[in-house]
């Protein structure tokens, strides 16, 4: 442990491009993270015990939203947003190809990795369905619907959500294994190629492609279900995060697998930066050879992480069904309980990217200020160089992870009750899943606290 700590401090002192992140992690190592990790695991374990002794209606009542005013359909701002998004995307791709080679100065790199991936994905699960108002493919589908009555091809039912699964795995592989995903020209080719492919699919299959085969729309629609605000019975509603999951329908098999991949890929996104992963690859973190040297291991790790999560999750559900005496098969159980993991996946995403968003978000504002002639904005990492802000960031990250697991456990309990089980059988059947949740809480908090070497 002492060697690990010394290596982390040395790496923090010698880092260049990631100095702020490394310094922040050095302070995290000085915090009593073991206490926080133990407290987080104990909180989730206590939630399990409370769900076992409380009446079944208590968990269901917690997810009963308050209905507000009557909801209207998407107005002209939403339609205008989707229509404007496509030319904005085209301009960003052009800037990536012909603009600055500096990833922190190119609009495409900042828009994709900072605004969208670090910021908008998390905001989608906190504020609601923002993506529906700026989805460029939705704008294209709306224009095409004005030209013709229906799409020339009917989407094959047999494909289900599997094209979206393949698209998300491709996105995760590019993010985690490509040698230079932030290179503007490289990102322009990938983004432009993906945009053209999605436009072609929308032209062939219409709007149905967006809710079946377009990976980013599927991802964003999934996280929107976690948001406290939403619609119910034609009215705006506000409730506990995840209430739409508690009242939603059971996803199809491909969709359920996609929801599991969100968590598995996000977990590996944190694991592949740790000293543990580099040690498994026999790589000295002080002499990191670059991403090109770990393409194969990262791809294999991404596949194994997702396969292991699906296998363990399915195994806990199967064991729980045997304990509760329910005759359902594993596939049906996975489809029912996969949405309950969405709060965990969202919490990990927010927690993992929070320090980077606070730093790299300043480059976004600097670019906007420069474009609007608002003066020069100095980017600073000073808030990551003092214990106070770092402690606040760490507690926010840890709190998000624990809250995500607590909500997921409550959702799983409600899902079991909705299947017709009694409160006692639901608690008994959830015992293996609950143990998995507690262990995953500890694992997630450890990922946030452990030294990073890549």
Protein backbone atom coordinates (compact mmCIF):
# COMPACT_ATOMS: atom_id res chain seq x y z
CA UNK A 1 0.00 0.00 0.00
CA UNK A 2 2.86 2.39 0.79
CA UNK A 3 4.44 1.70 -2.61
CA UNK A 4 1.11 2.37 -4.28
CA UNK A 5 0.70 5.64 -2.42
CA UNK A 6 4.25 6.76 -3.22
CA UNK A 7 3.80 5.90 -6.88
CA UNK A 8 0.57 7.90 -6.99
CA UNK A 9 2.23 10.98 -5.51
CA UNK A 10 5.20 10.68 -7.87
CA UNK A 11 2.90 10.34 -10.87
CA UNK A 12 0.87 13.33 -9.69
CA UNK A 13 4.03 15.41 -9.43
CA UNK A 14 5.32 14.49 -12.89
CA UNK A 15 2.07 14.49 -14.90
CA UNK A 16 1.55 17.10 -17.60
CA UNK A 17 -1.71 16.96 -19.55
CA UNK A 18 -3.67 15.41 -16.67
CA UNK A 19 -2.01 17.24 -13.81
CA UNK A 20 -5.23 18.54 -12.31
CA UNK A 21 -6.89 15.14 -12.24
CA UNK A 22 -3.81 13.51 -10.76
CA UNK A 23 -3.49 16.13 -8.04
CA UNK A 24 -7.13 15.71 -7.14
CA UNK A 25 -6.62 11.96 -6.86
CA UNK A 26 -3.59 12.51 -4.65
CA UNK A 27 -5.73 14.42 -2.16
CA UNK A 28 -8.41 11.73 -2.32
CA UNK A 29 -5.78 9.23 -1.20
CA UNK A 30 -5.24 11.34 1.93
CA UNK A 31 -8.95 11.26 2.86
CA UNK A 32 -10.35 8.50 5.14
CA UNK A 33 -11.86 6.79 2.11
CA UNK A 34 -11.99 3.41 3.86
CA UNK A 35 -14.47 4.88 6.33
CA UNK A 36 -16.60 6.37 3.55
CA UNK A 37 -16.55 3.11 1.59
CA UNK A 38 -17.59 1.12 4.66
CA UNK A 39 -20.34 3.64 5.44
CA UNK A 40 -21.62 3.45 1.86
CA UNK A 41 -21.78 -0.33 1.95
CA UNK A 42 -23.49 -0.22 5.35
CA UNK A 43 -26.08 2.25 4.05
CA UNK A 44 -27.01 -0.05 1.18
CA UNK A 45 -27.11 -3.05 3.54
CA UNK A 46 -29.41 -1.12 5.89
CA UNK A 47 -31.69 -0.35 2.95
CA UNK A 48 -31.95 -4.09 2.29
CA UNK A 49 -32.98 -4.74 5.90
CA UNK A 50 -35.55 -1.94 5.88
CA UNK A 51 -37.14 -3.21 2.69
CA UNK A 52 -37.38 -6.66 4.26
CA UNK A 53 -39.28 -5.46 7.35
CA UNK A 54 -41.36 -2.58 5.96
CA UNK A 55 -44.73 -3.23 4.33
CA UNK A 56 -44.55 -3.77 0.60
CA UNK A 57 -46.71 -0.73 -0.09
CA UNK A 58 -44.10 1.56 1.54
CA UNK A 59 -41.59 1.15 -1.31
CA UNK A 60 -44.31 1.48 -3.95
CA UNK A 61 -45.65 4.64 -2.29
CA UNK A 62 -42.19 6.21 -2.38
CA UNK A 63 -42.30 6.10 -6.20
CA UNK A 64 -45.77 7.60 -6.51
CA UNK A 65 -45.20 10.98 -8.24
CA UNK A 66 -47.11 14.17 -7.66
CA UNK A 67 -49.03 15.16 -10.79
CA UNK A 68 -48.80 18.80 -11.78
CA UNK A 69 -50.21 20.66 -14.79
CA UNK A 70 -51.42 19.18 -18.06
CA UNK A 71 -48.56 18.34 -20.39
CA UNK A 72 -48.54 19.65 -23.91
CA UNK A 73 -46.91 18.11 -26.95
CA UNK A 74 -43.50 19.30 -28.15
CA UNK A 75 -43.83 22.95 -29.10
CA UNK A 76 -41.92 25.02 -31.61
CA UNK A 77 -38.79 25.41 -29.38
CA UNK A 78 -38.33 21.62 -29.33
CA UNK A 79 -38.96 21.31 -33.05
CA UNK A 80 -36.63 24.22 -33.76
CA UNK A 81 -33.96 22.65 -31.57
CA UNK A 82 -33.98 19.36 -33.45
CA UNK A 83 -33.94 21.17 -36.80
CA UNK A 84 -31.01 23.38 -35.81
CA UNK A 85 -29.08 20.47 -34.31
CA UNK A 86 -28.28 18.91 -37.69
CA UNK A 87 -26.54 21.95 -39.24
CA UNK A 88 -24.77 22.58 -35.92
CA UNK A 89 -23.51 18.98 -35.99
CA UNK A 90 -22.33 19.43 -39.57
CA UNK A 91 -20.46 22.62 -38.57
CA UNK A 92 -18.85 20.82 -35.63
CA UNK A 93 -17.67 17.98 -37.87
CA UNK A 94 -16.17 20.51 -40.26
CA UNK A 95 -14.40 22.25 -37.37
CA UNK A 96 -13.00 18.91 -36.26
CA UNK A 97 -11.60 18.29 -39.73
CA UNK A 98 -10.39 21.79 -40.60
CA UNK A 99 -10.08 23.56 -37.25
CA UNK A 100 -7.56 23.58 -34.42
CA UNK A 101 -5.58 20.40 -33.74
CA UNK A 102 -5.75 21.11 -30.01
CA UNK A 103 -8.47 18.89 -28.48
CA UNK A 104 -9.12 21.48 -25.77
CA UNK A 105 -9.48 24.22 -28.37
CA UNK A 106 -11.50 22.44 -31.04
CA UNK A 107 -15.30 22.83 -30.86
CA UNK A 108 -16.00 19.26 -31.99
CA UNK A 109 -13.90 17.62 -29.29
CA UNK A 110 -15.32 19.85 -26.59
CA UNK A 111 -18.89 19.35 -27.83
CA UNK A 112 -18.67 15.55 -28.02
CA UNK A 113 -16.61 14.64 -24.98
CA UNK A 114 -17.30 17.52 -22.57
CA UNK A 115 -20.70 19.01 -23.42
CA UNK A 116 -22.42 15.79 -24.53
CA UNK A 117 -20.68 12.89 -22.82
CA UNK A 118 -19.60 14.47 -19.53
CA UNK A 119 -22.38 17.01 -19.13
CA UNK A 120 -25.51 16.27 -21.13
CA UNK A 121 -25.70 12.55 -20.33
CA UNK A 122 -25.70 13.30 -16.60
CA UNK A 123 -28.10 16.22 -17.00
CA UNK A 124 -30.48 13.94 -18.91
CA UNK A 125 -30.90 11.79 -15.81
CA UNK A 126 -31.22 14.74 -13.44
CA UNK A 127 -33.21 17.36 -15.36
CA UNK A 128 -35.23 15.25 -17.79
CA UNK A 129 -35.37 14.53 -21.49
CA UNK A 130 -33.18 17.31 -22.90
CA UNK A 131 -32.06 15.11 -25.80
CA UNK A 132 -35.57 15.03 -27.29
CA UNK A 133 -35.25 18.78 -27.92
CA UNK A 134 -31.84 18.69 -29.63
CA UNK A 135 -31.76 15.25 -31.27
CA UNK A 136 -30.51 15.86 -34.83
CA UNK A 137 -31.95 12.56 -36.09
CA UNK A 138 -35.40 13.55 -34.81
CA UNK A 139 -35.16 16.77 -36.82
CA UNK A 140 -34.28 14.80 -39.95
CA UNK A 141 -37.17 12.39 -39.35
CA UNK A 142 -39.58 15.29 -38.92
CA UNK A 143 -38.49 16.85 -42.23
CA UNK A 144 -38.81 13.52 -44.03
CA UNK A 145 -42.30 12.99 -42.61
CA UNK A 146 -43.38 16.26 -44.22
CA UNK A 147 -42.17 15.04 -47.61
CA UNK A 148 -43.68 11.53 -47.55
CA UNK A 149 -46.42 9.72 -45.69
CA UNK A 150 -44.29 6.87 -44.37
CA UNK A 151 -40.81 5.36 -44.58
CA UNK A 152 -40.03 3.17 -47.62
CA UNK A 153 -39.05 0.18 -45.45
CA UNK A 154 -40.64 -1.37 -42.39
CA UNK A 155 -38.24 -1.94 -39.52
CA UNK A 156 -37.73 -5.72 -39.09
CA UNK A 157 -39.28 -6.81 -35.81
CA UNK A 158 -36.65 -9.54 -35.46
CA UNK A 159 -33.89 -6.93 -35.14
CA UNK A 160 -35.41 -5.54 -31.95
CA UNK A 161 -32.97 -3.23 -30.13
CA UNK A 162 -29.88 -5.20 -31.16
CA UNK A 163 -28.62 -2.56 -33.65
CA UNK A 164 -28.63 -0.10 -30.75
CA UNK A 165 -26.68 -2.60 -28.64
CA UNK A 166 -24.07 -2.92 -31.38
CA UNK A 167 -23.91 0.85 -31.79
CA UNK A 168 -23.34 1.45 -28.09
CA UNK A 169 -20.62 -1.19 -27.91
CA UNK A 170 -18.91 0.50 -30.85
CA UNK A 171 -19.13 3.85 -29.07
CA UNK A 172 -17.72 2.37 -25.84
CA UNK A 173 -14.91 0.67 -27.75
CA UNK A 174 -13.98 3.94 -29.47
CA UNK A 175 -14.01 5.81 -26.16
CA UNK A 176 -11.98 3.25 -24.21
CA UNK A 177 -9.70 1.59 -26.76
CA UNK A 178 -9.09 3.95 -29.67
CA UNK A 179 -5.54 5.36 -29.65
CA UNK A 180 -6.72 8.99 -29.94
CA UNK A 181 -10.49 9.46 -29.47
CA UNK A 182 -9.98 13.16 -28.70
CA UNK A 183 -8.00 13.90 -31.88
CA UNK A 184 -10.24 16.39 -33.74
CA UNK A 185 -9.66 14.99 -37.25
CA UNK A 186 -10.11 11.40 -36.09
CA UNK A 187 -13.23 12.31 -34.16
CA UNK A 188 -14.58 14.18 -37.18
CA UNK A 189 -14.34 11.05 -39.34
CA UNK A 190 -16.08 8.90 -36.72
CA UNK A 191 -18.76 11.48 -35.90
CA UNK A 192 -19.42 12.34 -39.52
CA UNK A 193 -19.56 8.70 -40.57
CA UNK A 194 -21.96 7.86 -37.74
CA UNK A 195 -24.15 10.86 -38.59
CA UNK A 196 -24.42 9.84 -42.24
CA UNK A 197 -25.21 6.23 -41.30
CA UNK A 198 -27.97 7.31 -38.90
CA UNK A 199 -29.46 9.70 -41.46
CA UNK A 200 -29.56 6.84 -43.97
CA UNK A 201 -31.30 4.56 -41.46
CA UNK A 202 -33.83 7.27 -40.60
CA UNK A 203 -34.48 7.79 -44.29
CA UNK A 204 -35.11 4.04 -44.73
CA UNK A 205 -37.02 3.20 -41.54
CA UNK A 206 -38.32 6.52 -40.23
CA UNK A 207 -38.78 7.37 -36.56
CA UNK A 208 -38.88 3.72 -35.53
CA UNK A 209 -35.14 3.54 -36.10
CA UNK A 210 -34.63 6.15 -33.38
CA UNK A 211 -36.33 4.05 -30.69
CA UNK A 212 -34.88 0.72 -31.85
CA UNK A 213 -31.52 1.11 -33.54
CA UNK A 214 -29.96 4.51 -32.75
CA UNK A 215 -27.63 3.94 -29.80
CA UNK A 216 -27.37 7.49 -28.47
CA UNK A 217 -31.13 8.03 -28.51
CA UNK A 218 -31.65 4.73 -26.70
CA UNK A 219 -29.02 5.70 -24.13
CA UNK A 220 -30.54 9.12 -23.51
CA UNK A 221 -34.12 7.84 -23.36
CA UNK A 222 -33.01 5.28 -20.79
CA UNK A 223 -31.38 7.85 -18.51
CA UNK A 224 -34.36 10.21 -18.86
CA UNK A 225 -36.39 7.57 -17.02
CA UNK A 226 -34.30 8.21 -13.91
CA UNK A 227 -35.06 11.95 -13.81
CA UNK A 228 -37.45 13.21 -11.09
CA UNK A 229 -39.54 15.13 -13.65
CA UNK A 230 -41.54 13.47 -16.39
CA UNK A 231 -45.00 12.79 -17.76
CA UNK A 232 -47.76 10.58 -16.43
CA UNK A 233 -51.27 10.23 -17.82
CA UNK A 234 -50.91 13.34 -19.93
CA UNK A 235 -49.73 15.54 -17.06
CA UNK A 236 -46.37 16.73 -15.82
CA UNK A 237 -45.27 14.82 -12.76
CA UNK A 238 -42.51 15.07 -10.16
CA UNK A 239 -41.33 12.31 -7.88
CA UNK A 240 -38.46 10.27 -6.49
CA UNK A 241 -35.75 9.62 -9.11
CA UNK A 242 -36.65 6.44 -10.96
CA UNK A 243 -40.42 6.66 -10.53
CA UNK A 244 -40.90 6.23 -14.29
CA UNK A 245 -38.96 2.97 -14.06
CA UNK A 246 -41.20 1.78 -11.22
CA UNK A 247 -44.31 2.44 -13.33
CA UNK A 248 -42.82 1.51 -16.71
CA UNK A 249 -43.23 -1.56 -18.85
CA UNK A 250 -40.81 -4.46 -19.09
CA UNK A 251 -38.17 -3.95 -21.81
CA UNK A 252 -37.49 -6.34 -24.67
CA UNK A 253 -34.43 -8.63 -24.37
CA UNK A 254 -32.17 -6.47 -26.56
CA UNK A 255 -33.17 -3.35 -24.66
CA UNK A 256 -32.52 -5.07 -21.33
CA UNK A 257 -29.03 -6.08 -22.46
CA UNK A 258 -28.33 -2.48 -23.48
CA UNK A 259 -29.28 -1.27 -19.99
CA UNK A 260 -26.82 -3.74 -18.47
CA UNK A 261 -24.11 -2.61 -20.88
CA UNK A 262 -24.49 0.96 -19.65
CA UNK A 263 -23.41 -0.16 -16.19
CA UNK A 264 -20.79 -2.68 -17.29
CA UNK A 265 -19.08 -0.30 -19.72
CA UNK A 266 -19.19 2.55 -17.21
CA UNK A 267 -17.56 0.38 -14.56
CA UNK A 268 -14.78 -0.67 -16.91
CA UNK A 269 -14.31 2.99 -17.87
CA UNK A 270 -13.20 3.53 -14.28
CA UNK A 271 -11.33 0.24 -13.86
CA UNK A 272 -9.08 0.62 -16.91
CA UNK A 273 -7.55 3.80 -15.44
CA UNK A 274 -6.47 2.17 -12.17
CA UNK A 275 -3.08 0.90 -11.10
CA UNK A 276 -4.76 -2.49 -10.61
CA UNK A 277 -5.60 -2.76 -14.32
CA UNK A 278 -2.13 -1.65 -15.35
CA UNK A 279 -0.65 -4.19 -12.94
CA UNK A 280 -2.74 -6.92 -14.56
CA UNK A 281 -1.28 -5.85 -17.91
CA UNK A 282 2.26 -5.75 -16.43
CA UNK A 283 2.60 -2.03 -17.29
CA UNK A 284 4.56 0.42 -15.17
CA UNK A 285 2.25 3.42 -14.63
CA UNK A 286 5.28 5.74 -14.50
CA UNK A 287 6.25 4.58 -17.99
CA UNK A 288 2.83 4.28 -19.59
CA UNK A 289 3.44 3.35 -23.25
CA UNK A 290 0.32 5.07 -24.58
CA UNK A 291 -3.16 3.91 -25.57
CA UNK A 292 -1.92 2.25 -28.76
CA UNK A 293 -0.20 -0.41 -26.65
CA UNK A 294 -3.36 -1.41 -24.79
CA UNK A 295 -5.98 -1.50 -27.56
CA UNK A 296 -6.34 -5.29 -27.44
CA UNK A 297 -6.40 -5.57 -23.63
CA UNK A 298 -8.91 -2.73 -23.32
CA UNK A 299 -11.23 -4.28 -25.89
CA UNK A 300 -10.95 -7.64 -24.15
CA UNK A 301 -11.49 -6.00 -20.76
CA UNK A 302 -14.59 -4.17 -22.02
CA UNK A 303 -16.05 -7.42 -23.33
CA UNK A 304 -15.18 -9.38 -20.18
CA UNK A 305 -16.51 -6.68 -17.84
CA UNK A 306 -19.88 -6.63 -19.59
CA UNK A 307 -20.07 -10.41 -19.86
CA UNK A 308 -19.20 -10.80 -16.17
CA UNK A 309 -21.82 -8.25 -15.10
CA UNK A 310 -24.55 -9.92 -17.17
CA UNK A 311 -23.58 -13.37 -15.91
CA UNK A 312 -23.45 -12.35 -12.23
CA UNK A 313 -26.67 -10.34 -12.49
CA UNK A 314 -28.50 -13.21 -14.18
CA UNK A 315 -27.05 -15.64 -11.63
CA UNK A 316 -28.29 -13.64 -8.65
CA UNK A 317 -31.76 -13.38 -10.19
CA UNK A 318 -31.86 -17.11 -10.90
CA UNK A 319 -30.77 -17.95 -7.35
CA UNK A 320 -33.27 -15.49 -5.92
CA UNK A 321 -36.09 -17.04 -7.96
CA UNK A 322 -35.17 -20.49 -6.65
CA UNK A 323 -35.16 -19.21 -3.05
CA UNK A 324 -38.53 -17.51 -3.52
CA UNK A 325 -39.99 -20.51 -5.32
CA UNK A 326 -40.96 -18.62 -8.48
CA UNK A 327 -40.91 -20.55 -11.77
CA UNK A 328 -39.80 -17.72 -14.07
CA UNK A 329 -36.89 -18.18 -16.43
CA UNK A 330 -33.68 -16.17 -16.33
CA UNK A 331 -34.45 -14.19 -19.52
CA UNK A 332 -37.75 -12.92 -18.13
CA UNK A 333 -36.13 -12.00 -14.82
CA UNK A 334 -33.31 -10.09 -16.54
CA UNK A 335 -35.81 -8.14 -18.62
CA UNK A 336 -37.83 -7.23 -15.53
CA UNK A 337 -34.95 -6.18 -13.30
CA UNK A 338 -32.46 -4.68 -15.80
CA UNK A 339 -34.11 -1.20 -15.69
CA UNK A 340 -33.61 -1.08 -11.92
CA UNK A 341 -29.84 -0.77 -12.50
CA UNK A 342 -30.21 2.51 -14.42
CA UNK A 343 -29.82 4.72 -11.29
CA UNK A 344 -26.50 2.98 -10.56
CA UNK A 345 -25.22 3.41 -14.11
CA UNK A 346 -26.18 7.09 -14.08
CA UNK A 347 -24.61 7.64 -10.65
CA UNK A 348 -21.34 6.06 -11.79
CA UNK A 349 -21.29 8.20 -14.91
CA UNK A 350 -21.82 11.42 -12.96
CA UNK A 351 -19.33 10.50 -10.24
CA UNK A 352 -16.64 9.33 -12.65
CA UNK A 353 -16.70 12.42 -14.86
CA UNK A 354 -17.42 15.11 -12.26
CA UNK A 355 -13.77 16.26 -11.74
CA UNK A 356 -13.08 16.25 -15.49
CA UNK A 357 -16.29 18.16 -16.18
CA UNK A 358 -15.40 20.84 -13.64
CA UNK A 359 -12.01 21.31 -15.30
CA UNK A 360 -12.69 20.73 -19.00
CA UNK A 361 -15.98 22.60 -18.79
CA UNK A 362 -13.90 25.74 -18.33
CA UNK A 363 -12.42 25.21 -21.80
CA UNK A 364 -15.95 25.15 -23.21
CA UNK A 365 -16.76 28.45 -21.54
CA UNK A 366 -13.43 29.90 -22.66
CA UNK A 367 -14.27 28.98 -26.26
CA UNK A 368 -17.74 30.53 -25.99
CA UNK A 369 -16.33 33.69 -24.42
CA UNK A 370 -13.72 33.95 -27.16
CA UNK A 371 -16.31 33.47 -29.92
CA UNK A 372 -18.63 36.12 -28.42
CA UNK A 373 -15.76 38.55 -27.68
CA UNK A 374 -16.49 38.44 -23.95
CA UNK A 375 -12.83 38.59 -23.04
CA UNK A 376 -10.29 35.97 -22.05
CA UNK A 377 -11.31 33.31 -19.56
CA UNK A 378 -8.42 31.82 -17.60
CA UNK A 379 -8.76 28.08 -17.07
CA UNK A 380 -7.71 27.09 -13.58
CA UNK A 381 -7.22 23.81 -11.77
CA UNK A 382 -6.62 25.53 -8.44
CA UNK A 383 -9.77 24.10 -6.90
CA UNK A 384 -8.25 20.61 -7.33
CA UNK A 385 -5.06 21.58 -5.51
CA UNK A 386 -6.56 22.13 -2.06
CA UNK A 387 -8.16 19.56 0.26
CA UNK A 388 -11.45 21.42 0.83
CA UNK A 389 -12.84 21.36 -2.72
CA UNK A 390 -11.46 17.87 -3.32
CA UNK A 391 -13.24 16.62 -0.21
CA UNK A 392 -16.49 18.22 -1.42
CA UNK A 393 -16.08 16.60 -4.85
CA UNK A 394 -15.33 13.20 -3.33
CA UNK A 395 -18.34 13.35 -0.99
CA UNK A 396 -20.55 14.34 -3.93
CA UNK A 397 -19.24 11.42 -5.96
CA UNK A 398 -19.63 8.96 -3.09
CA UNK A 399 -23.09 10.29 -2.25
CA UNK A 400 -24.23 9.87 -5.85
CA UNK A 401 -23.02 6.26 -5.97
CA UNK A 402 -24.67 5.31 -2.68
CA UNK A 403 -27.92 7.07 -3.60
CA UNK A 404 -27.96 5.28 -6.95
CA UNK A 405 -27.67 1.88 -5.25
CA UNK A 406 -30.33 2.68 -2.66
CA UNK A 407 -32.80 3.76 -5.34
CA UNK A 408 -31.94 0.69 -7.43
CA UNK A 409 -32.68 -1.62 -4.50
CA UNK A 410 -36.02 0.07 -3.89
CA UNK A 411 -36.89 -0.24 -7.60
CA UNK A 412 -35.99 -3.93 -7.58
CA UNK A 413 -38.24 -4.46 -4.57
CA UNK A 414 -41.13 -2.71 -6.33
CA UNK A 415 -40.51 -4.75 -9.49
CA UNK A 416 -40.70 -7.97 -7.47
CA UNK A 417 -43.95 -6.85 -5.83
CA UNK A 418 -45.44 -5.90 -9.20
CA UNK A 419 -44.83 -9.45 -10.42
CA UNK A 420 -47.31 -10.70 -7.80
CA UNK A 421 -44.91 -11.76 -5.07
CA UNK A 422 -45.69 -11.15 -1.42
CA UNK A 423 -43.43 -8.80 0.53
CA UNK A 424 -41.80 -11.79 2.25
CA UNK A 425 -41.13 -13.67 -0.98
CA UNK A 426 -39.89 -10.48 -2.64
CA UNK A 427 -37.39 -9.90 0.17
CA UNK A 428 -36.27 -13.55 0.08
CA UNK A 429 -35.91 -13.56 -3.69
CA UNK A 430 -33.92 -10.35 -3.61
CA UNK A 431 -31.37 -11.57 -1.07
CA UNK A 432 -28.75 -12.63 -3.66
CA UNK A 433 -29.32 -9.44 -5.67
CA UNK A 434 -29.00 -7.38 -2.48
CA UNK A 435 -25.64 -8.96 -1.67
CA UNK A 436 -24.54 -8.16 -5.20
CA UNK A 437 -25.66 -4.54 -4.75
CA UNK A 438 -23.73 -4.14 -1.50
CA UNK A 439 -20.59 -5.58 -3.08
CA UNK A 440 -21.01 -3.36 -6.14
CA UNK A 441 -21.37 -0.29 -3.91
CA UNK A 442 -18.06 -1.06 -2.26
CA UNK A 443 -16.49 -1.73 -5.66
CA UNK A 444 -17.80 1.55 -7.10
CA UNK A 445 -16.53 3.62 -4.17
CA UNK A 446 -13.19 1.84 -4.36
CA UNK A 447 -12.95 2.79 -8.05
CA UNK A 448 -13.37 6.45 -7.11
CA UNK A 449 -10.76 6.30 -4.36
CA UNK A 450 -8.09 4.05 -5.83
CA UNK A 451 -4.93 5.49 -7.50
CA UNK A 452 -5.07 5.95 -11.25
CA UNK A 453 -2.19 5.43 -13.62
CA UNK A 454 -3.64 6.00 -17.11
